[in-house]
């Protein structure tokens, strides 16, 4: 089943995920639309099966029909399940450290405090969601804090360009230490799948110049770039990735420009400023 898996979403573990479900960002809904051949209509639901650690669980995929007062323009997809469901219990068991953290923090807050409790930066855990060849079946893969710790130790002395080449072109020496660990392979797969999803979103066009390199030859050559270098940040979220042509990718690594997140543009050492021709996911 793994060969047909496509990335859908990497969800930070929170109280809602461990009890009732999650909302899927708009930029990832292109995957759902393609795998199901159509989008769900507003208010429409679909029974789905989620696989977690080899066991299947029932859930529901819903295009939430919010009332008109929200003035919603874009559809909102959610994966839902009940807090007493087998899936919710399995997730709480899988992310037991995070669950205990949330329980203890909720005990300490005031009765009228409704602020969202988030994991600390050094204790972040995630759930990766992948489609399969079946339009009603998805694979869940936990990313535990121990996985991230191991990854940090392995990549901290690696070259960013080498790491990104492995993500973009699946180049790997299977005998090398960096890819020997099952934990590292899991996180490497996730990173590559996130980039592949963004490439699909942009129809293989460079976000900076807007060009589809290789189009005249029937080829699609585009690369995912980490805004904050992955070997330092370990941040493979879509909000930390750009889709760029090989030329712009090489220029960025050669000149190491500053990225202005507020204005969404690169500031080069020679004074040149360059923004985006395309942006569908960075805000």
Protein backbone atom coordinates (compact mmCIF):
# COMPACT_ATOMS: atom_id res chain seq x y z
CA UNK A 1 0.00 0.00 0.00
CA UNK A 2 2.93 2.35 0.66
CA UNK A 3 3.73 2.99 -3.02
CA UNK A 4 0.30 4.54 -3.53
CA UNK A 5 0.37 6.70 -0.40
CA UNK A 6 0.09 10.46 -0.87
CA UNK A 7 0.52 13.05 1.86
CA UNK A 8 -2.59 14.79 3.14
CA UNK A 9 -1.66 16.59 6.35
CA UNK A 10 0.76 16.73 9.25
CA UNK A 11 -1.31 17.60 12.32
CA UNK A 12 0.19 18.91 15.56
CA UNK A 13 -1.17 16.82 18.43
CA UNK A 14 -3.72 18.69 20.53
CA UNK A 15 -6.69 17.94 22.78
CA UNK A 16 -9.16 17.93 19.90
CA UNK A 17 -7.16 15.41 17.86
CA UNK A 18 -7.11 13.02 20.83
CA UNK A 19 -10.86 13.27 21.34
CA UNK A 20 -12.94 14.22 18.32
CA UNK A 21 -11.05 14.95 15.10
CA UNK A 22 -9.28 17.60 13.05
CA UNK A 23 -9.78 20.20 10.32
CA UNK A 24 -7.85 19.93 7.06
CA UNK A 25 -6.26 23.10 5.61
CA UNK A 26 -7.46 24.24 2.20
CA UNK A 27 -4.08 23.72 0.50
CA UNK A 28 -4.27 20.00 1.23
CA UNK A 29 -7.78 19.51 -0.10
CA UNK A 30 -6.45 19.18 -3.66
CA UNK A 31 -5.28 15.72 -2.62
CA UNK A 32 -8.73 14.72 -1.42
CA UNK A 33 -10.33 16.05 -4.58
CA UNK A 34 -8.04 14.02 -6.81
CA UNK A 35 -8.19 10.80 -4.85
CA UNK A 36 -12.01 10.92 -4.65
CA UNK A 37 -12.40 12.37 -8.19
CA UNK A 38 -14.62 15.10 -6.77
CA UNK A 39 -15.04 17.24 -3.66
CA UNK A 40 -17.74 16.56 -1.14
CA UNK A 41 -20.61 19.04 -1.33
CA UNK A 42 -21.14 21.27 1.69
CA UNK A 43 -22.85 19.32 4.42
CA UNK A 44 -21.98 16.00 2.76
CA UNK A 45 -20.19 13.26 4.72
CA UNK A 46 -18.35 10.10 3.78
CA UNK A 47 -17.56 7.09 5.94
CA UNK A 48 -13.82 6.39 5.90
CA UNK A 49 -11.38 3.89 7.37
CA UNK A 50 -8.20 5.02 9.11
CA UNK A 51 -5.27 2.68 9.69
CA UNK A 52 -3.13 3.30 12.78
CA UNK A 53 -0.27 0.91 13.62
CA UNK A 54 -1.78 -1.77 11.40
CA UNK A 55 -5.30 -1.65 12.84
CA UNK A 56 -8.33 -0.17 11.11
CA UNK A 57 -10.71 2.36 12.69
CA UNK A 58 -13.96 3.95 11.51
CA UNK A 59 -14.30 7.73 11.09
CA UNK A 60 -16.18 10.26 8.97
CA UNK A 61 -14.96 12.80 6.42
CA UNK A 62 -17.26 15.85 6.31
CA UNK A 63 -17.45 19.06 4.33
CA UNK A 64 -18.71 21.17 7.21
CA UNK A 65 -21.83 23.18 6.43
CA UNK A 66 -21.22 26.24 8.56
CA UNK A 67 -24.02 28.81 8.71
CA UNK A 68 -23.96 31.72 6.28
CA UNK A 69 -22.99 34.17 9.01
CA UNK A 70 -19.41 32.86 8.73
CA UNK A 71 -19.39 34.05 5.09
CA UNK A 72 -17.28 31.05 4.18
CA UNK A 73 -15.82 31.15 0.69
CA UNK A 74 -13.71 27.97 0.77
CA UNK A 75 -14.88 24.53 1.76
CA UNK A 76 -13.77 23.13 5.11
CA UNK A 77 -13.06 19.41 5.40
CA UNK A 78 -12.96 17.67 8.75
CA UNK A 79 -12.20 14.14 9.91
CA UNK A 80 -14.53 13.36 12.80
CA UNK A 81 -14.90 10.62 15.42
CA UNK A 82 -16.35 10.45 18.93
CA UNK A 83 -14.26 10.83 22.09
CA UNK A 84 -15.33 7.35 23.19
CA UNK A 85 -14.48 5.72 19.87
CA UNK A 86 -11.77 3.10 19.52
CA UNK A 87 -9.79 5.51 17.35
CA UNK A 88 -9.77 8.28 19.95
CA UNK A 89 -8.69 5.81 22.62
CA UNK A 90 -5.95 4.44 20.36
CA UNK A 91 -4.65 7.94 19.65
CA UNK A 92 -4.56 8.78 23.36
CA UNK A 93 -2.58 5.59 23.94
CA UNK A 94 -0.21 6.30 21.08
CA UNK A 95 0.43 9.88 22.22
CA UNK A 96 0.31 9.06 25.93
CA UNK A 97 2.93 11.66 26.93
CA UNK A 98 1.05 14.44 25.15
CA UNK A 99 -2.27 13.28 26.59
CA UNK A 100 -0.91 13.35 30.16
CA UNK A 101 0.47 16.83 29.54
CA UNK A 102 -2.93 18.12 28.38
CA UNK A 103 -4.76 16.50 31.30
CA UNK A 104 -2.43 18.05 33.87
CA UNK A 105 -2.54 21.49 32.26
CA UNK A 106 -6.34 21.45 32.11
CA UNK A 107 -6.46 20.69 35.83
CA UNK A 108 -4.42 23.80 36.57
CA UNK A 109 -6.31 26.37 34.53
CA UNK A 110 -9.17 28.53 35.78
CA UNK A 111 -12.79 27.45 35.04
CA UNK A 112 -13.38 30.27 32.54
CA UNK A 113 -10.02 29.81 30.75
CA UNK A 114 -10.78 28.47 27.26
CA UNK A 115 -7.40 29.13 25.68
CA UNK A 116 -5.99 26.30 23.57
CA UNK A 117 -3.31 24.32 25.39
CA UNK A 118 -0.34 23.57 23.14
CA UNK A 119 2.65 21.31 23.61
CA UNK A 120 5.97 22.98 24.36
CA UNK A 121 8.39 23.27 21.44
CA UNK A 122 10.67 20.51 22.72
CA UNK A 123 7.74 18.12 23.25
CA UNK A 124 5.90 18.52 19.96
CA UNK A 125 4.33 15.40 18.48
CA UNK A 126 2.43 15.02 15.21
CA UNK A 127 0.11 12.77 13.26
CA UNK A 128 0.80 12.34 9.54
CA UNK A 129 -2.15 11.43 7.30
CA UNK A 130 -1.78 9.70 3.93
CA UNK A 131 -4.24 8.67 1.23
CA UNK A 132 -4.10 5.17 -0.25
CA UNK A 133 -5.25 3.70 -3.54
CA UNK A 134 -8.75 3.49 -2.05
CA UNK A 135 -10.83 6.67 -1.83
CA UNK A 136 -12.23 5.77 1.59
CA UNK A 137 -9.04 4.53 3.28
CA UNK A 138 -6.23 6.53 4.89
CA UNK A 139 -3.07 5.71 6.82
CA UNK A 140 -2.15 7.49 10.06
CA UNK A 141 1.49 7.62 11.08
CA UNK A 142 2.52 8.97 14.51
CA UNK A 143 5.56 11.23 14.75
CA UNK A 144 6.67 10.99 18.38
CA UNK A 145 9.04 13.27 20.24
CA UNK A 146 11.60 10.44 20.34
CA UNK A 147 11.51 10.24 16.53
CA UNK A 148 12.31 13.94 16.24
CA UNK A 149 15.13 13.66 18.80
CA UNK A 150 16.78 10.89 16.78
CA UNK A 151 16.38 12.89 13.56
CA UNK A 152 18.01 15.94 15.13
CA UNK A 153 21.09 13.95 16.12
CA UNK A 154 21.44 12.51 12.64
CA UNK A 155 20.99 15.63 10.48
CA UNK A 156 22.62 18.35 12.61
CA UNK A 157 25.95 18.02 10.71
CA UNK A 158 24.49 17.28 7.28
CA UNK A 159 24.53 19.62 4.28
CA UNK A 160 21.18 21.28 3.57
CA UNK A 161 21.62 20.82 -0.18
CA UNK A 162 22.27 17.10 0.24
CA UNK A 163 19.24 16.73 2.47
CA UNK A 164 16.98 18.61 0.06
CA UNK A 165 18.25 16.57 -2.89
CA UNK A 166 17.23 13.42 -1.04
CA UNK A 167 13.77 14.85 -0.40
CA UNK A 168 13.22 16.12 -3.94
CA UNK A 169 14.70 13.32 -5.98
CA UNK A 170 14.56 10.38 -3.61
CA UNK A 171 18.35 10.09 -3.77
CA UNK A 172 19.61 7.98 -0.93
CA UNK A 173 22.41 5.59 -0.09
CA UNK A 174 20.43 2.92 1.71
CA UNK A 175 23.60 1.79 3.47
CA UNK A 176 24.30 5.24 4.86
CA UNK A 177 23.65 5.90 8.54
CA UNK A 178 21.31 8.79 7.83
CA UNK A 179 18.73 6.48 6.24
CA UNK A 180 19.36 3.34 8.26
CA UNK A 181 16.91 4.07 11.07
CA UNK A 182 13.24 3.25 10.57
CA UNK A 183 12.43 6.48 12.42
CA UNK A 184 14.55 8.52 10.00
CA UNK A 185 12.99 6.79 6.99
CA UNK A 186 9.51 7.65 8.32
CA UNK A 187 10.34 11.34 8.73
CA UNK A 188 12.20 11.49 5.43
CA UNK A 189 9.14 10.04 3.67
CA UNK A 190 6.91 12.62 5.35
CA UNK A 191 9.14 15.49 4.27
CA UNK A 192 9.21 14.31 0.65
CA UNK A 193 5.44 13.76 0.59
CA UNK A 194 4.79 17.29 1.89
CA UNK A 195 6.95 18.73 -0.90
CA UNK A 196 5.27 16.51 -3.49
CA UNK A 197 1.85 17.73 -2.34
CA UNK A 198 2.90 21.36 -2.74
CA UNK A 199 4.32 20.66 -6.20
CA UNK A 200 0.91 19.28 -7.14
CA UNK A 201 -0.79 22.34 -5.67
CA UNK A 202 1.34 24.66 -7.84
CA UNK A 203 1.07 22.48 -10.94
CA UNK A 204 4.87 22.16 -10.90
CA UNK A 205 5.42 25.90 -11.34
CA UNK A 206 8.03 27.97 -9.52
CA UNK A 207 6.48 30.23 -6.90
CA UNK A 208 9.06 32.95 -7.60
CA UNK A 209 9.14 33.17 -11.40
CA UNK A 210 5.89 31.34 -12.13
CA UNK A 211 7.50 29.21 -14.82
CA UNK A 212 6.94 25.52 -15.39
CA UNK A 213 10.48 24.45 -16.23
CA UNK A 214 10.67 21.64 -18.79
CA UNK A 215 7.12 22.16 -20.02
CA UNK A 216 8.25 22.32 -23.65
CA UNK A 217 9.86 18.91 -23.25
CA UNK A 218 6.97 17.22 -21.49
CA UNK A 219 8.90 17.29 -18.22
CA UNK A 220 8.23 18.79 -14.78
CA UNK A 221 11.35 19.94 -12.94
CA UNK A 222 10.57 21.78 -9.74
CA UNK A 223 11.99 21.49 -6.22
CA UNK A 224 10.87 22.00 -2.63
CA UNK A 225 12.99 24.42 -0.59
CA UNK A 226 12.95 24.88 3.19
CA UNK A 227 12.75 28.55 4.13
CA UNK A 228 14.35 27.88 7.51
CA UNK A 229 16.93 25.25 6.64
CA UNK A 230 15.73 21.80 7.63
CA UNK A 231 19.04 20.67 9.14
CA UNK A 232 18.69 23.46 11.69
CA UNK A 233 14.93 23.81 12.17
CA UNK A 234 13.69 20.24 11.50
CA UNK A 235 10.59 22.07 10.29
CA UNK A 236 9.04 20.25 7.33
CA UNK A 237 5.62 21.91 7.60
CA UNK A 238 4.15 23.28 4.39
CA UNK A 239 4.50 26.76 5.92
CA UNK A 240 8.28 26.27 5.84
CA UNK A 241 8.49 25.07 2.24
CA UNK A 242 8.54 26.84 -1.11
CA UNK A 243 8.23 25.33 -4.55
CA UNK A 244 10.94 26.73 -6.81
CA UNK A 245 12.63 25.99 -10.12
CA UNK A 246 16.20 24.59 -10.01
CA UNK A 247 17.62 27.99 -11.02
CA UNK A 248 16.01 29.88 -8.16
CA UNK A 249 16.80 27.06 -5.75
CA UNK A 250 20.51 27.21 -6.64
CA UNK A 251 20.55 31.02 -6.44
CA UNK A 252 18.98 30.95 -2.96
CA UNK A 253 21.53 28.50 -1.64
CA UNK A 254 24.41 30.31 -3.34
CA UNK A 255 23.53 33.78 -2.03
CA UNK A 256 21.70 32.84 1.19
CA UNK A 257 19.19 35.75 1.07
CA UNK A 258 17.02 36.78 4.02
CA UNK A 259 13.36 35.78 3.70
CA UNK A 260 10.93 38.48 4.86
CA UNK A 261 7.92 36.48 6.05
CA UNK A 262 5.72 39.52 6.54
CA UNK A 263 6.14 40.74 2.97
CA UNK A 264 6.81 37.29 1.50
CA UNK A 265 9.92 38.23 -0.42
CA UNK A 266 13.63 37.45 -0.52
CA UNK A 267 16.20 40.14 0.30
CA UNK A 268 19.47 39.36 -1.53
CA UNK A 269 22.90 40.55 -0.35
CA UNK A 270 23.32 42.73 -3.47
CA UNK A 271 20.15 44.67 -2.62
CA UNK A 272 17.78 42.88 -5.00
CA UNK A 273 14.32 42.05 -3.63
CA UNK A 274 12.18 39.32 -5.12
CA UNK A 275 8.65 38.28 -4.24
CA UNK A 276 6.31 35.58 -5.47
CA UNK A 277 4.54 35.17 -8.78
CA UNK A 278 2.43 32.44 -7.16
CA UNK A 279 1.33 31.89 -3.58
CA UNK A 280 -1.46 29.54 -2.56
CA UNK A 281 -0.32 28.33 0.85
CA UNK A 282 1.89 30.85 2.66
CA UNK A 283 0.16 33.48 4.78
